[in-house]
Structure formats: C-alpha cells, structure tokens
C-alpha atoms as a PDB file:
ATOM      1  CA  MET A   1     -27.461  -4.400  10.364  1.00  0.00           C
ATOM      2  CA  GLY A   2     -26.097  -6.975  12.818  1.00  0.00           C
ATOM      3  CA  ARG A   3     -24.225  -6.212  16.000  1.00  0.00           C
ATOM      4  CA  ALA A   4     -20.879  -7.247  14.547  1.00  0.00           C
ATOM      5  CA  THR A   5     -21.411  -5.138  11.438  1.00  0.00           C
ATOM      6  CA  GLU A   6     -22.350  -2.170  13.612  1.00  0.00           C
ATOM      7  CA  THR A   7     -19.273  -2.745  15.766  1.00  0.00           C
ATOM      8  CA  GLU A   8     -17.026  -2.934  12.698  1.00  0.00           C
ATOM      9  CA  GLU A   9     -18.525   0.233  11.240  1.00  0.00           C
ATOM     10  CA  ARG A  10     -18.323   2.130  14.547  1.00  0.00           C
ATOM     11  CA  LEU A  11     -14.701   1.136  15.187  1.00  0.00           C
ATOM     12  CA  ARG A  12     -13.636   1.722  11.585  1.00  0.00           C
ATOM     13  CA  THR A  13     -15.286   5.167  11.561  1.00  0.00           C
ATOM     14  CA  ALA A  14     -13.547   6.051  14.835  1.00  0.00           C
ATOM     15  CA  MET A  15     -10.187   4.867  13.466  1.00  0.00           C
ATOM     16  CA  LEU A  16     -10.595   6.900  10.280  1.00  0.00           C
ATOM     17  CA  ALA A  17     -11.517   9.973  12.335  1.00  0.00           C
ATOM     18  CA  ALA A  18      -8.513   9.362  14.587  1.00  0.00           C
ATOM     19  CA  LEU A  19      -6.232   9.085  11.574  1.00  0.00           C
ATOM     20  CA  ALA A  20      -7.633  12.416  10.414  1.00  0.00           C
ATOM     21  CA  GLY A  21      -6.574  13.957  13.742  1.00  0.00           C
ATOM     22  CA  ASP A  22      -9.705  13.644  15.911  1.00  0.00           C
ATOM     23  CA  SER A  23      -8.247  13.032  19.385  1.00  0.00           C
ATOM     24  CA  VAL A  24     -11.662  12.479  21.007  1.00  0.00           C
ATOM     25  CA  ALA A  25     -12.500   9.739  18.493  1.00  0.00           C
ATOM     26  CA  TYR A  26      -9.090   8.157  19.116  1.00  0.00           C
ATOM     27  CA  ARG A  27      -9.554   8.217  22.883  1.00  0.00           C
ATOM     28  CA  ASN A  28     -13.010   6.611  22.522  1.00  0.00           C
ATOM     29  CA  LEU A  29     -11.624   4.026  20.099  1.00  0.00           C
ATOM     30  CA  LEU A  30      -8.863   3.017  22.519  1.00  0.00           C
ATOM     31  CA  ARG A  31     -11.358   2.818  25.380  1.00  0.00           C
ATOM     32  CA  GLU A  32     -13.633   0.473  23.419  1.00  0.00           C
ATOM     33  CA  LEU A  33     -10.715  -1.619  22.167  1.00  0.00           C
ATOM     34  CA  THR A  34      -9.444  -1.955  25.745  1.00  0.00           C
ATOM     35  CA  THR A  35     -12.703  -3.572  26.831  1.00  0.00           C
ATOM     36  CA  MET A  36     -12.774  -5.944  23.872  1.00  0.00           C
ATOM     37  CA  LEU A  37      -9.110  -6.906  24.191  1.00  0.00           C
ATOM     38  CA  GLN A  38      -9.477  -7.584  27.922  1.00  0.00           C
ATOM     39  CA  GLY A  39     -12.155 -10.167  27.169  1.00  0.00           C
ATOM     40  CA  TYR A  40     -10.143 -11.633  24.305  1.00  0.00           C
ATOM     41  CA  PHE A  41      -6.997 -12.195  26.389  1.00  0.00           C
ATOM     42  CA  ARG A  42      -8.751 -13.293  29.593  1.00  0.00           C
ATOM     43  CA  ARG A  43     -10.568 -16.056  27.715  1.00  0.00           C
ATOM     44  CA  ARG A  44      -7.271 -17.365  26.379  1.00  0.00           C
ATOM     45  CA  LEU A  45      -5.014 -17.200  29.424  1.00  0.00           C
ATOM     46  CA  SER A  46      -5.035 -19.331  32.523  1.00  0.00           C
ATOM     47  CA  ALA A  47      -2.698 -16.839  34.178  1.00  0.00           C
ATOM     48  CA  GLY A  48      -4.005 -13.969  36.253  1.00  0.00           C
ATOM     49  CA  SER A  49      -5.549 -10.806  34.913  1.00  0.00           C
ATOM     50  CA  ALA A  50      -2.202  -9.003  35.216  1.00  0.00           C
ATOM     51  CA  THR A  51      -0.895 -10.943  32.222  1.00  0.00           C
ATOM     52  CA  ALA A  52      -4.054 -10.162  30.259  1.00  0.00           C
ATOM     53  CA  GLU A  53      -3.702  -6.477  31.128  1.00  0.00           C
ATOM     54  CA  ASP A  54      -0.068  -6.500  30.014  1.00  0.00           C
ATOM     55  CA  LEU A  55      -1.106  -8.005  26.689  1.00  0.00           C
ATOM     56  CA  VAL A  56      -3.903  -5.447  26.316  1.00  0.00           C
ATOM     57  CA  GLN A  57      -1.386  -2.650  26.831  1.00  0.00           C
ATOM     58  CA  ASP A  58       1.124  -4.242  24.431  1.00  0.00           C
ATOM     59  CA  THR A  59      -1.596  -4.584  21.807  1.00  0.00           C
ATOM     60  CA  LEU A  60      -2.813  -1.010  22.260  1.00  0.00           C
ATOM     61  CA  MET A  61       0.772   0.227  21.930  1.00  0.00           C
ATOM     62  CA  ALA A  62       1.196  -1.795  18.737  1.00  0.00           C
ATOM     63  CA  ILE A  63      -2.057  -0.379  17.368  1.00  0.00           C
ATOM     64  CA  HIS A  64      -0.893   3.117  18.261  1.00  0.00           C
ATOM     65  CA  THR A  65       2.569   2.784  16.736  1.00  0.00           C
ATOM     66  CA  ARG A  66       1.307   1.014  13.612  1.00  0.00           C
ATOM     67  CA  ARG A  67      -1.912   2.970  13.115  1.00  0.00           C
ATOM     68  CA  MET A  68      -0.601   4.640   9.965  1.00  0.00           C
ATOM     69  CA  THR A  69      -0.148   1.204   8.364  1.00  0.00           C
ATOM     70  CA  TYR A  70      -3.861   0.423   8.617  1.00  0.00           C
ATOM     71  CA  ASP A  71      -5.225  -0.095   5.100  1.00  0.00           C
ATOM     72  CA  ARG A  72      -8.443   1.903   4.996  1.00  0.00           C
ATOM     73  CA  GLN A  73      -9.879  -0.450   2.372  1.00  0.00           C
ATOM     74  CA  LEU A  74      -9.769  -3.441   4.738  1.00  0.00           C
ATOM     75  CA  PRO A  75     -11.909  -4.174   7.806  1.00  0.00           C
ATOM     76  CA  PHE A  76     -10.514  -2.581  10.951  1.00  0.00           C
ATOM     77  CA  THR A  77     -11.490  -5.503  13.202  1.00  0.00           C
ATOM     78  CA  ALA A  78      -9.414  -7.945  11.149  1.00  0.00           C
ATOM     79  CA  TRP A  79      -6.386  -5.679  11.540  1.00  0.00           C
ATOM     80  CA  VAL A  80      -6.905  -5.425  15.323  1.00  0.00           C
ATOM     81  CA  HIS A  81      -7.470  -9.174  15.625  1.00  0.00           C
ATOM     82  CA  ALA A  82      -4.235  -9.920  13.777  1.00  0.00           C
ATOM     83  CA  ILE A  83      -2.247  -7.657  16.107  1.00  0.00           C
ATOM     84  CA  ALA A  84      -3.881  -9.159  19.223  1.00  0.00           C
ATOM     85  CA  ARG A  85      -3.303 -12.688  17.971  1.00  0.00           C
ATOM     86  CA  TYR A  86       0.386 -12.044  17.287  1.00  0.00           C
ATOM     87  CA  LYS A  87       0.832 -10.466  20.729  1.00  0.00           C
ATOM     88  CA  LEU A  88      -0.713 -13.573  22.292  1.00  0.00           C
ATOM     89  CA  ILE A  89       1.525 -15.875  20.250  1.00  0.00           C
ATOM     90  CA  ASP A  90       4.565 -13.803  21.255  1.00  0.00           C
ATOM     91  CA  HIS A  91       3.519 -14.172  24.898  1.00  0.00           C
ATOM     92  CA  PHE A  92       3.225 -17.956  24.539  1.00  0.00           C
ATOM     93  CA  ARG A  93       6.631 -18.106  22.869  1.00  0.00           C
ATOM     94  CA  ARG A  94       8.198 -16.109  25.681  1.00  0.00           C
ATOM     95  CA  GLN A  95       6.601 -18.459  28.185  1.00  0.00           C
ATOM     96  CA  ARG A  96       7.598 -21.487  26.073  1.00  0.00           C
ATOM     97  CA  ILE A  97       3.980 -22.551  26.013  1.00  0.00           C
ATOM     98  CA  ARG A  98       2.864 -24.471  22.957  1.00  0.00           C
ATOM     99  CA  ALA A  99      -0.674 -23.369  22.330  1.00  0.00           C
ATOM    100  CA  THR A 100      -2.916 -23.103  19.346  1.00  0.00           C
ATOM    101  CA  VAL A 101      -4.661 -19.846  18.676  1.00  0.00           C
ATOM    102  CA  PRO A 102      -7.200 -20.560  15.959  1.00  0.00           C
ATOM    103  CA  LEU A 103      -7.364 -18.156  13.052  1.00  0.00           C
ATOM    104  CA  GLU A 104     -11.137 -18.450  12.972  1.00  0.00           C
ATOM    105  CA  ASP A 105     -11.447 -17.175  16.542  1.00  0.00           C
ATOM    106  CA  ASP A 106     -12.221 -13.554  15.756  1.00  0.00           C
ATOM    107  CA  ASP A 107     -15.827 -14.114  16.864  1.00  0.00           C
ATOM    108  CA  ALA A 108     -14.550 -14.166  20.432  1.00  0.00           C
ATOM    109  CA  LEU A 109     -12.758 -10.857  19.927  1.00  0.00           C
ATOM    110  CA  LEU A 110     -15.483  -8.838  18.272  1.00  0.00           C
ATOM    111  CA  ALA A 111     -18.448 -11.174  17.854  1.00  0.00           C
ATOM    112  CA  VAL A 112     -18.031 -11.012  14.115  1.00  0.00           C
ATOM    113  CA  GLU A 113     -20.887 -12.518  12.128  1.00  0.00           C
ATOM    114  CA  GLU A 114     -20.044 -15.155   9.556  1.00  0.00           C
ATOM    115  CA  GLU A 115     -20.379 -12.681   6.673  1.00  0.00           C
ATOM    116  CA  ALA A 116     -18.278 -10.041   8.384  1.00  0.00           C
ATOM    117  CA  GLY A 117     -15.730 -12.685   9.393  1.00  0.00           C
ATOM    118  CA  ILE A 118     -15.335 -13.834   5.823  1.00  0.00           C
ATOM    119  CA  ALA A 119     -15.009 -10.250   4.620  1.00  0.00           C
ATOM    120  CA  ALA A 120     -12.523  -9.515   7.402  1.00  0.00           C
ATOM    121  CA  ARG A 121      -9.994 -12.124   6.316  1.00  0.00           C
ATOM    122  CA  LEU A 122      -7.477 -11.412   3.617  1.00  0.00           C
ATOM    123  CA  ASP A 123      -8.011 -13.475   0.508  1.00  0.00           C
ATOM    124  CA  VAL A 124      -5.110 -15.893   0.458  1.00  0.00           C
ATOM    125  CA  GLY A 125      -5.561 -16.425  -3.245  1.00  0.00           C
ATOM    126  CA  THR A 126      -5.129 -12.712  -3.907  1.00  0.00           C
ATOM    127  CA  VAL A 127      -1.996 -12.592  -1.794  1.00  0.00           C
ATOM    128  CA  LEU A 128      -0.489 -15.658  -3.429  1.00  0.00           C
ATOM    129  CA  ALA A 129      -1.299 -14.301  -6.898  1.00  0.00           C
ATOM    130  CA  GLU A 130       1.625 -11.915  -6.364  1.00  0.00           C
ATOM    131  CA  VAL A 131       4.184 -14.707  -6.807  1.00  0.00           C
ATOM    132  CA  SER A 132       5.025 -17.235  -9.517  1.00  0.00           C
ATOM    133  CA  PRO A 133       2.953 -20.428  -9.793  1.00  0.00           C
ATOM    134  CA  ARG A 134       5.845 -22.536  -8.463  1.00  0.00           C
ATOM    135  CA  GLN A 135       6.355 -20.223  -5.443  1.00  0.00           C
ATOM    136  CA  ARG A 136       2.588 -20.160  -4.891  1.00  0.00           C
ATOM    137  CA  GLU A 137       2.454 -23.959  -4.785  1.00  0.00           C
ATOM    138  CA  LEU A 138       5.452 -24.236  -2.450  1.00  0.00           C
ATOM    139  CA  ILE A 139       4.103 -21.570  -0.068  1.00  0.00           C
ATOM    140  CA  ARG A 140       0.664 -23.191  -0.094  1.00  0.00           C
ATOM    141  CA  GLN A 141       2.081 -26.639   0.682  1.00  0.00           C
ATOM    142  CA  VAL A 142       4.591 -25.596   3.351  1.00  0.00           C
ATOM    143  CA  ARG A 143       3.041 -22.552   5.024  1.00  0.00           C
ATOM    144  CA  ILE A 144      -0.669 -23.261   4.670  1.00  0.00           C
ATOM    145  CA  GLU A 145      -0.987 -27.053   4.539  1.00  0.00           C
ATOM    146  CA  GLY A 146       1.961 -27.782   6.837  1.00  0.00           C
ATOM    147  CA  ALA A 147       3.978 -30.012   4.514  1.00  0.00           C
ATOM    148  CA  SER A 148       7.710 -30.303   5.097  1.00  0.00           C
ATOM    149  CA  ILE A 149      10.203 -28.627   2.772  1.00  0.00           C
ATOM    150  CA  ALA A 150      11.293 -32.091   1.604  1.00  0.00           C
ATOM    151  CA  GLU A 151       7.715 -33.106   0.749  1.00  0.00           C
ATOM    152  CA  ALA A 152       6.986 -29.867  -1.103  1.00  0.00           C
ATOM    153  CA  ALA A 153      10.297 -30.018  -2.960  1.00  0.00           C
ATOM    154  CA  ALA A 154       9.628 -33.592  -4.068  1.00  0.00           C
ATOM    155  CA  ALA A 155       6.096 -32.706  -5.190  1.00  0.00           C
ATOM    156  CA  THR A 156       7.382 -29.837  -7.342  1.00  0.00           C
ATOM    157  CA  GLY A 157      10.511 -31.594  -8.611  1.00  0.00           C
ATOM    158  CA  MET A 158      12.918 -29.191  -6.915  1.00  0.00           C
ATOM    159  CA  SER A 159      15.824 -29.689  -4.554  1.00  0.00           C
ATOM    160  CA  GLU A 160      15.169 -28.825  -0.908  1.00  0.00           C
ATOM    161  CA  THR A 161      17.581 -25.895  -1.119  1.00  0.00           C
ATOM    162  CA  ALA A 162      15.893 -24.511  -4.232  1.00  0.00           C
ATOM    163  CA  ALA A 163      12.484 -24.927  -2.584  1.00  0.00           C
ATOM    164  CA  LYS A 164      13.643 -23.046   0.537  1.00  0.00           C
ATOM    165  CA  VAL A 165      15.056 -20.220  -1.567  1.00  0.00           C
ATOM    166  CA  SER A 166      11.889 -20.050  -3.668  1.00  0.00           C
ATOM    167  CA  ILE A 167       9.651 -19.912  -0.586  1.00  0.00           C
ATOM    168  CA  HIS A 168      11.851 -17.251   0.997  1.00  0.00           C
ATOM    169  CA  ARG A 169      11.830 -15.111  -2.139  1.00  0.00           C
ATOM    170  CA  GLY A 170       8.089 -15.537  -2.583  1.00  0.00           C
ATOM    171  CA  LEU A 171       7.348 -14.520   1.002  1.00  0.00           C
ATOM    172  CA  LYS A 172       9.736 -11.601   0.688  1.00  0.00           C
ATOM    173  CA  ALA A 173       7.940 -10.427  -2.473  1.00  0.00           C
ATOM    174  CA  ILE A 174       4.535 -10.741  -0.781  1.00  0.00           C
ATOM    175  CA  THR A 175       5.768  -8.824   2.264  1.00  0.00           C
ATOM    176  CA  ALA A 176       7.212  -6.097   0.070  1.00  0.00           C
ATOM    177  CA  LYS A 177       4.017  -5.832  -1.979  1.00  0.00           C
ATOM    178  CA  PHE A 178       1.711  -5.483   0.993  1.00  0.00           C
ATOM    179  CA  SER A 179       3.987  -3.389   3.196  1.00  0.00           C
ATOM    180  CA  GLY A 180       4.902  -0.922   0.457  1.00  0.00           C
ATOM    181  CA  ARG A 181       8.619  -1.753   0.656  1.00  0.00           C
ATOM    182  CA  LYS A 182      10.789  -2.903  -2.217  1.00  0.00           C
ATOM    183  CA  PRO A 183      11.938  -6.571  -2.116  1.00  0.00           C
END
C-alpha cells in the first residue's frame, strides 16, 4: 500500500470514528489535517504565514461544521481538498487576486498517488447523468469547457435565455440530488 493510500485510509478511518463519537480520533484527525493544510496554503500564498494560518482555521471550521455532510462512500481526502480549495478561492476573491488553483493539485495537499487521485475525484459523467441530455451538453460546454452562453446556445439551437434557464435548472437539480435537498 502506498503512502497516499495509507494516508487516505488513516484519515478516513479517523473521520468515521469521529462521526461515531470518538473525540480522541477527532482531535487526532484535526491535528493531522492542520499540518497538511498548513503546507497546502503556504505553498500557494505569497503572503505571510498569518494568512495561511487563517485559511487553515477557516478550513478546519468548515470541516467541523460540515462533517455530517461527508459521504462515507467517497474518499475523505477529496472532500477535504475541495473544502480547502474553495477556501483559497474565497480568499483570492476577497483580495481581488485572479489566480488559478488547479483541480489536479491534490498531490500537493495529501501526496495522492495517481490511482488514489483518480478515485478521489467525482465522476463528472455520473453527476451529469442526473440531468437531461440537452442540459448535460449545455453544462459541459459552458461550465467545463468554458464556452460562452451564446456559443453553447447556438450549438444546441436554443436562445441564450433558454440556455441560461436550462443550465440553471440542471445545476439546481444536480445540487439537490447530491445535497439531499429537493429542487
């Protein structure tokens, strides 16, 4: 078993124990995540370590408050990486810094092996299978490939307004499906 696989298994086991009420496992989990998140944010920020520490604390708070939303069937490290990434993006937005945070950068967070990294990402095809073929195509073109609404609308033979509404409804349905809420 590789280091990344061992790390994933150790962290996932600690999270599951914490969710079952084991406070010692939760304390150890947060301690280990703190170390990993410090490295993750320090590598991405030119600002001082105080900013990185603030982001670590924000991320740990988000993990704590959202811990019950963790899907036990999915890799824990992918869930943590997503939260950390969004906290970093929020920081850049607040600072009005335009920066790119690559999606494939989870190796830097948890040294995920290629196999574990692939397994850690949600299957976009599975997610998009929850919407109609037309919505799937529009979402793929606009949100994944970066096409404009006008380009996607023209490619699908829809008006821009209809394309916007279709994308909105598709994303709303996906969000509802995977968050457990009704659309």
